Amino acid sequence: MASAKATNPPRGQCTQCWFHAYASREAHAGLGTREDCPQCVAHMNNGHPDHMIVR
């Protein structure tokens, strides 16, 4: 179960990035050793979608 901090990002932060940072083990559980998370890579390359930013 993710912590309250992981599921409640502050204003202006991306919900996905916040969750992946503070609940990293849960968010990246299916990845192999030294395997990049496709969702994290997409955010690094394309930025954060507007609908994922907390207003």
C-alpha atoms as a PDB file:
ATOM      1  CA  MET A   1       0.000   0.000   0.000  1.00  0.00           C
ATOM      2  CA  ALA A   2       1.406   3.373  -0.992  1.00  0.00           C
ATOM      3  CA  SER A   3       2.051   5.953   1.681  1.00  0.00           C
ATOM      4  CA  ALA A   4      -0.115   9.029   2.070  1.00  0.00           C
ATOM      5  CA  LYS A   5       2.777  11.136   0.807  1.00  0.00           C
ATOM      6  CA  ALA A   6       2.981   9.095  -2.416  1.00  0.00           C
ATOM      7  CA  THR A   7      -0.708   9.495  -3.196  1.00  0.00           C
ATOM      8  CA  ASN A   8      -1.088  13.202  -2.309  1.00  0.00           C
ATOM      9  CA  PRO A   9       1.270  15.351  -4.386  1.00  0.00           C
ATOM     10  CA  PRO A  10       1.386  19.104  -3.734  1.00  0.00           C
ATOM     11  CA  ARG A  11       0.052  21.669  -6.194  1.00  0.00           C
ATOM     12  CA  GLY A  12       2.042  21.987  -9.383  1.00  0.00           C
ATOM     13  CA  GLN A  13       3.459  18.461  -9.220  1.00  0.00           C
ATOM     14  CA  CYS A  14       2.794  15.557 -11.584  1.00  0.00           C
ATOM     15  CA  THR A  15       0.783  12.791  -9.900  1.00  0.00           C
ATOM     16  CA  GLN A  16       2.608  10.012 -11.755  1.00  0.00           C
ATOM     17  CA  CYS A  17       6.097  11.339 -11.063  1.00  0.00           C
ATOM     18  CA  TRP A  18       5.246  11.944  -7.418  1.00  0.00           C
ATOM     19  CA  PHE A  19       3.896   8.405  -7.011  1.00  0.00           C
ATOM     20  CA  HIS A  20       6.875   6.856  -8.804  1.00  0.00           C
ATOM     21  CA  ALA A  21       9.269   8.831  -6.580  1.00  0.00           C
ATOM     22  CA  TYR A  22       7.629   8.077  -3.223  1.00  0.00           C
ATOM     23  CA  ALA A  23       6.242   4.586  -3.884  1.00  0.00           C
ATOM     24  CA  SER A  24       9.052   3.488  -6.149  1.00  0.00           C
ATOM     25  CA  ARG A  25       9.018  -0.185  -5.169  1.00  0.00           C
ATOM     26  CA  GLU A  26       5.303  -0.506  -5.892  1.00  0.00           C
ATOM     27  CA  ALA A  27       5.409   1.550  -9.079  1.00  0.00           C
ATOM     28  CA  HIS A  28       8.415  -0.305 -10.465  1.00  0.00           C
ATOM     29  CA  ALA A  29       7.690  -3.791  -9.086  1.00  0.00           C
ATOM     30  CA  GLY A  30       7.359  -5.460 -12.484  1.00  0.00           C
ATOM     31  CA  LEU A  31      10.659  -4.168 -13.832  1.00  0.00           C
ATOM     32  CA  GLY A  32      13.782  -6.251 -14.091  1.00  0.00           C
ATOM     33  CA  THR A  33      17.212  -5.335 -12.834  1.00  0.00           C
ATOM     34  CA  ARG A  34      18.482  -2.147 -14.505  1.00  0.00           C
ATOM     35  CA  GLU A  35      15.303  -1.944 -16.617  1.00  0.00           C
ATOM     36  CA  ASP A  36      13.939   1.560 -17.220  1.00  0.00           C
ATOM     37  CA  CYS A  37      10.320   2.322 -16.393  1.00  0.00           C
ATOM     38  CA  PRO A  38       8.538   3.128 -19.688  1.00  0.00           C
ATOM     39  CA  GLN A  39       6.242   5.645 -17.982  1.00  0.00           C
ATOM     40  CA  CYS A  40       9.148   7.503 -16.378  1.00  0.00           C
ATOM     41  CA  VAL A  41      11.078   7.533 -19.654  1.00  0.00           C
ATOM     42  CA  ALA A  42       8.029   8.915 -21.486  1.00  0.00           C
ATOM     43  CA  HIS A  43       7.780  11.757 -18.952  1.00  0.00           C
ATOM     44  CA  MET A  44      11.486  12.522 -19.235  1.00  0.00           C
ATOM     45  CA  ASN A  45      11.276  12.694 -23.029  1.00  0.00           C
ATOM     46  CA  ASN A  46       7.848  14.281 -23.544  1.00  0.00           C
ATOM     47  CA  GLY A  47       7.192  16.249 -20.369  1.00  0.00           C
ATOM     48  CA  HIS A  48       4.194  16.007 -18.091  1.00  0.00           C
ATOM     49  CA  PRO A  49       0.674  15.854 -19.552  1.00  0.00           C
ATOM     50  CA  ASP A  50      -1.446  18.764 -18.366  1.00  0.00           C
ATOM     51  CA  HIS A  51      -4.117  16.486 -16.904  1.00  0.00           C
ATOM     52  CA  MET A  52      -1.591  14.910 -14.497  1.00  0.00           C
ATOM     53  CA  ILE A  53      -0.507  18.170 -12.859  1.00  0.00           C
ATOM     54  CA  VAL A  54      -2.231  18.909  -9.537  1.00  0.00           C
ATOM     55  CA  ARG A  55      -4.056  22.251  -9.651  1.00  0.00           C
END
